[in-house]
């Protein structure tokens, strides 16, 4: 037996053990019956969220939403790229949104309606949809031509709520209309998009805004 073969098997064994530990950790989080205590919520980053899931963010809900607003504003002002800045703000503000580099990179070309005309969706709105879809949308296996799994219904409902906030504030989600209504203040547009999306996500999947008690929002029995 040569040294190379032994080393390869050792490395393979270490990789398998690391993968097992990661999966075990994810299983522990999911075995909690749709309730994860604490403000971190890191185990939930491995789970596609469903209606009825509740993550305990403690008293941090308002802080998370404020951070989403602040980060959205700062990122757009200093880095530019409304869709990508919205994605980054929500990734950094909401503890259970994964810091997925692929998700962030995928928003690279979607700013300004992704066209030179501005007659398509505002990048802040598009970035919001990317985060919502990532959290609770359809998925599929990693193999080519695999079956799509799950439902897009909940993700459509949630992005519709963000759409309604855009309509109320700007009268449209189209880039050119939003820019005009916002006096071309794109940092403020991104900040509000991140804030509205954080509110929608927290109200759907956490105990934010609910009575203290059980993590599903029901008040404990006296």
Protein backbone atom coordinates (compact mmCIF):
# COMPACT_ATOMS: atom_id res chain seq x y z
CA UNK A 1 0.00 0.00 0.00
CA UNK A 2 1.52 3.32 -1.01
CA UNK A 3 1.37 6.52 1.03
CA UNK A 4 -0.70 8.32 -1.58
CA UNK A 5 -3.58 5.84 -1.39
CA UNK A 6 -3.62 5.99 2.38
CA UNK A 7 -3.65 9.79 2.32
CA UNK A 8 -6.52 9.87 -0.19
CA UNK A 9 -8.59 7.53 1.97
CA UNK A 10 -7.89 9.66 5.05
CA UNK A 11 -8.96 12.81 3.24
CA UNK A 12 -12.08 11.06 1.94
CA UNK A 13 -12.90 9.89 5.45
CA UNK A 14 -12.53 13.41 6.83
CA UNK A 15 -14.76 14.80 4.10
CA UNK A 16 -17.43 12.18 4.79
CA UNK A 17 -17.34 12.91 8.52
CA UNK A 18 -17.64 16.65 7.94
CA UNK A 19 -20.60 16.11 5.62
CA UNK A 20 -22.25 13.78 8.15
CA UNK A 21 -21.86 16.38 10.91
CA UNK A 22 -23.33 19.09 8.71
CA UNK A 23 -26.34 16.92 7.84
CA UNK A 24 -26.76 15.88 11.46
CA UNK A 25 -26.79 19.53 12.51
CA UNK A 26 -29.41 20.33 9.91
CA UNK A 27 -31.50 17.38 11.06
CA UNK A 28 -31.44 18.62 14.64
CA UNK A 29 -32.74 22.00 13.52
CA UNK A 30 -35.54 20.46 11.47
CA UNK A 31 -36.49 18.01 14.20
CA UNK A 32 -37.62 20.87 16.40
CA UNK A 33 -41.04 20.73 14.77
CA UNK A 34 -40.96 24.04 12.96
CA UNK A 35 -39.63 26.07 15.88
CA UNK A 36 -36.07 27.24 16.43
CA UNK A 37 -35.29 29.28 19.53
CA UNK A 38 -32.74 32.05 19.64
CA UNK A 39 -31.95 34.93 17.34
CA UNK A 40 -29.38 33.18 15.16
CA UNK A 41 -31.59 30.84 13.19
CA UNK A 42 -28.59 29.36 11.40
CA UNK A 43 -30.03 25.84 11.12
CA UNK A 44 -32.89 27.29 9.10
CA UNK A 45 -30.48 28.33 6.36
CA UNK A 46 -30.53 24.70 5.23
CA UNK A 47 -34.32 24.46 5.05
CA UNK A 48 -36.84 25.60 2.45
CA UNK A 49 -39.39 27.41 4.55
CA UNK A 50 -43.05 26.48 4.42
CA UNK A 51 -46.29 28.03 5.57
CA UNK A 52 -46.57 27.57 9.31
CA UNK A 53 -42.83 27.57 10.02
CA UNK A 54 -41.96 29.88 12.89
CA UNK A 55 -38.47 31.04 13.80
CA UNK A 56 -38.02 32.70 17.18
CA UNK A 57 -36.21 36.01 16.64
CA UNK A 58 -36.91 37.12 20.17
CA UNK A 59 -37.19 40.89 20.40
CA UNK A 60 -34.90 41.46 17.40
CA UNK A 61 -37.58 41.90 14.74
CA UNK A 62 -37.52 45.69 14.61
CA UNK A 63 -33.72 45.68 14.67
CA UNK A 64 -33.57 43.26 11.73
CA UNK A 65 -35.93 45.43 9.70
CA UNK A 66 -34.02 48.60 10.55
CA UNK A 67 -30.75 46.92 9.57
CA UNK A 68 -32.25 45.85 6.23
CA UNK A 69 -33.22 49.46 5.54
CA UNK A 70 -29.84 50.87 6.60
CA UNK A 71 -27.78 48.29 4.71
CA UNK A 72 -29.89 48.70 1.58
CA UNK A 73 -29.33 52.44 1.63
CA UNK A 74 -25.61 52.21 2.36
CA UNK A 75 -24.90 49.49 -0.20
CA UNK A 76 -26.72 51.27 -3.02
CA UNK A 77 -25.13 54.61 -2.18
CA UNK A 78 -21.58 53.22 -2.06
CA UNK A 79 -21.64 50.13 -4.32
CA UNK A 80 -24.55 50.68 -6.74
CA UNK A 81 -26.57 47.92 -8.44
CA UNK A 82 -30.05 48.01 -6.93
CA UNK A 83 -30.92 44.32 -7.29
CA UNK A 84 -27.62 43.10 -5.90
CA UNK A 85 -27.66 45.65 -3.09
CA UNK A 86 -31.17 44.55 -2.08
CA UNK A 87 -30.06 40.92 -2.01
CA UNK A 88 -26.96 41.77 0.03
CA UNK A 89 -28.91 43.87 2.53
CA UNK A 90 -31.41 41.07 3.18
CA UNK A 91 -28.68 38.43 3.39
CA UNK A 92 -26.81 40.50 5.97
CA UNK A 93 -29.83 41.66 7.98
CA UNK A 94 -31.91 38.48 8.30
CA UNK A 95 -30.09 35.76 10.28
CA UNK A 96 -31.79 32.82 8.55
CA UNK A 97 -31.11 33.99 4.98
CA UNK A 98 -28.05 32.16 3.70
CA UNK A 99 -25.01 34.16 2.60
CA UNK A 100 -25.12 32.39 -0.76
CA UNK A 101 -22.53 33.89 -3.12
CA UNK A 102 -24.31 32.40 -6.14
CA UNK A 103 -27.57 34.11 -5.21
CA UNK A 104 -25.75 37.42 -4.82
CA UNK A 105 -23.84 36.98 -8.09
CA UNK A 106 -27.05 36.09 -9.93
CA UNK A 107 -28.41 39.59 -9.26
CA UNK A 108 -25.43 41.27 -10.93
CA UNK A 109 -27.15 42.17 -14.22
CA UNK A 110 -30.62 43.03 -12.92
CA UNK A 111 -30.21 46.66 -11.89
CA UNK A 112 -32.08 49.43 -13.67
CA UNK A 113 -34.73 47.04 -14.96
CA UNK A 114 -31.95 45.02 -16.65
CA UNK A 115 -32.59 46.99 -19.84
CA UNK A 116 -31.54 50.40 -21.22
CA UNK A 117 -35.21 51.47 -21.39
CA UNK A 118 -36.19 51.31 -17.71
CA UNK A 119 -39.59 49.89 -18.61
CA UNK A 120 -39.04 46.67 -16.69
CA UNK A 121 -39.11 45.89 -12.99
CA UNK A 122 -37.06 47.95 -10.55
CA UNK A 123 -34.00 46.03 -9.42
CA UNK A 124 -34.97 46.56 -5.80
CA UNK A 125 -38.22 44.72 -6.45
CA UNK A 126 -36.45 41.99 -8.42
CA UNK A 127 -33.84 41.49 -5.69
CA UNK A 128 -36.63 41.18 -3.14
CA UNK A 129 -38.21 38.42 -5.22
CA UNK A 130 -34.92 36.57 -5.46
CA UNK A 131 -34.63 36.41 -1.68
CA UNK A 132 -38.26 35.37 -1.18
CA UNK A 133 -38.00 32.68 -3.86
CA UNK A 134 -34.75 31.43 -2.35
CA UNK A 135 -36.37 31.06 1.08
CA UNK A 136 -39.64 29.38 0.16
CA UNK A 137 -39.79 28.70 -3.60
CA UNK A 138 -39.65 25.56 -5.70
CA UNK A 139 -36.49 23.51 -5.92
CA UNK A 140 -35.13 20.49 -7.79
CA UNK A 141 -32.46 17.84 -7.50
CA UNK A 142 -28.97 18.69 -8.66
CA UNK A 143 -29.11 16.28 -11.59
CA UNK A 144 -29.81 17.39 -15.15
CA UNK A 145 -33.48 17.47 -16.20
CA UNK A 146 -34.61 16.59 -12.68
CA UNK A 147 -38.14 16.97 -11.38
CA UNK A 148 -39.16 20.31 -9.91
CA UNK A 149 -40.15 19.91 -6.25
CA UNK A 150 -42.44 21.91 -4.02
CA UNK A 151 -44.73 24.81 -4.80
CA UNK A 152 -44.20 28.44 -5.81
CA UNK A 153 -47.55 29.51 -4.36
CA UNK A 154 -46.29 30.94 -1.06
CA UNK A 155 -43.39 32.79 -2.70
CA UNK A 156 -45.84 34.37 -5.16
CA UNK A 157 -48.07 35.48 -2.30
CA UNK A 158 -45.17 37.10 -0.47
CA UNK A 159 -43.72 38.96 -3.46
CA UNK A 160 -47.25 40.22 -4.16
CA UNK A 161 -47.19 41.87 -0.74
CA UNK A 162 -43.95 43.64 -1.63
CA UNK A 163 -45.51 44.64 -4.95
CA UNK A 164 -48.39 46.24 -3.08
CA UNK A 165 -45.96 48.35 -1.05
CA UNK A 166 -44.26 49.54 -4.25
CA UNK A 167 -47.63 50.38 -5.78
CA UNK A 168 -48.66 52.31 -2.69
CA UNK A 169 -45.39 54.27 -2.53
CA UNK A 170 -44.49 54.75 -6.19
CA UNK A 171 -47.58 53.75 -8.19
CA UNK A 172 -45.55 51.12 -10.08
CA UNK A 173 -42.74 48.59 -9.92
CA UNK A 174 -41.27 49.69 -13.26
CA UNK A 175 -37.79 51.16 -13.00
CA UNK A 176 -38.53 54.41 -14.82
CA UNK A 177 -41.71 55.04 -12.84
CA UNK A 178 -40.09 54.27 -9.50
CA UNK A 179 -37.14 56.54 -10.27
CA UNK A 180 -39.45 59.39 -11.20
CA UNK A 181 -41.64 59.01 -8.12
CA UNK A 182 -38.56 58.75 -5.88
CA UNK A 183 -36.81 61.73 -7.50
CA UNK A 184 -34.09 59.32 -8.65
CA UNK A 185 -33.11 58.61 -5.04
CA UNK A 186 -32.13 54.99 -5.68
CA UNK A 187 -30.52 54.40 -2.25
CA UNK A 188 -33.86 55.21 -0.63
CA UNK A 189 -35.68 52.90 -3.05
CA UNK A 190 -33.36 49.99 -2.22
CA UNK A 191 -33.61 50.74 1.50
CA UNK A 192 -37.41 50.62 1.39
CA UNK A 193 -37.44 47.50 -0.77
CA UNK A 194 -35.21 45.70 1.73
CA UNK A 195 -37.28 46.97 4.66
CA UNK A 196 -40.62 45.93 3.14
CA UNK A 197 -39.27 42.52 2.20
CA UNK A 198 -37.83 41.96 5.67
CA UNK A 199 -41.20 42.84 7.18
CA UNK A 200 -43.02 40.42 4.89
CA UNK A 201 -40.56 37.59 5.60
CA UNK A 202 -40.52 38.12 9.36
CA UNK A 203 -44.32 38.29 9.60
CA UNK A 204 -44.66 35.05 7.63
CA UNK A 205 -41.88 32.96 9.16
CA UNK A 206 -41.12 34.33 12.64
CA UNK A 207 -42.82 35.41 15.84
CA UNK A 208 -42.32 39.08 14.93
CA UNK A 209 -45.35 41.17 15.83
CA UNK A 210 -47.03 38.34 17.70
CA UNK A 211 -47.79 37.94 21.38
CA UNK A 212 -45.00 36.52 23.50
CA UNK A 213 -45.41 32.88 24.34
CA UNK A 214 -45.00 29.83 22.17
CA UNK A 215 -42.96 30.20 19.03
CA UNK A 216 -46.09 29.87 16.90
CA UNK A 217 -47.37 33.10 18.42
CA UNK A 218 -50.01 31.54 20.68
CA UNK A 219 -50.00 32.97 24.17
CA UNK A 220 -48.99 30.50 26.84
CA UNK A 221 -51.73 29.18 29.09
CA UNK A 222 -51.75 30.68 32.57
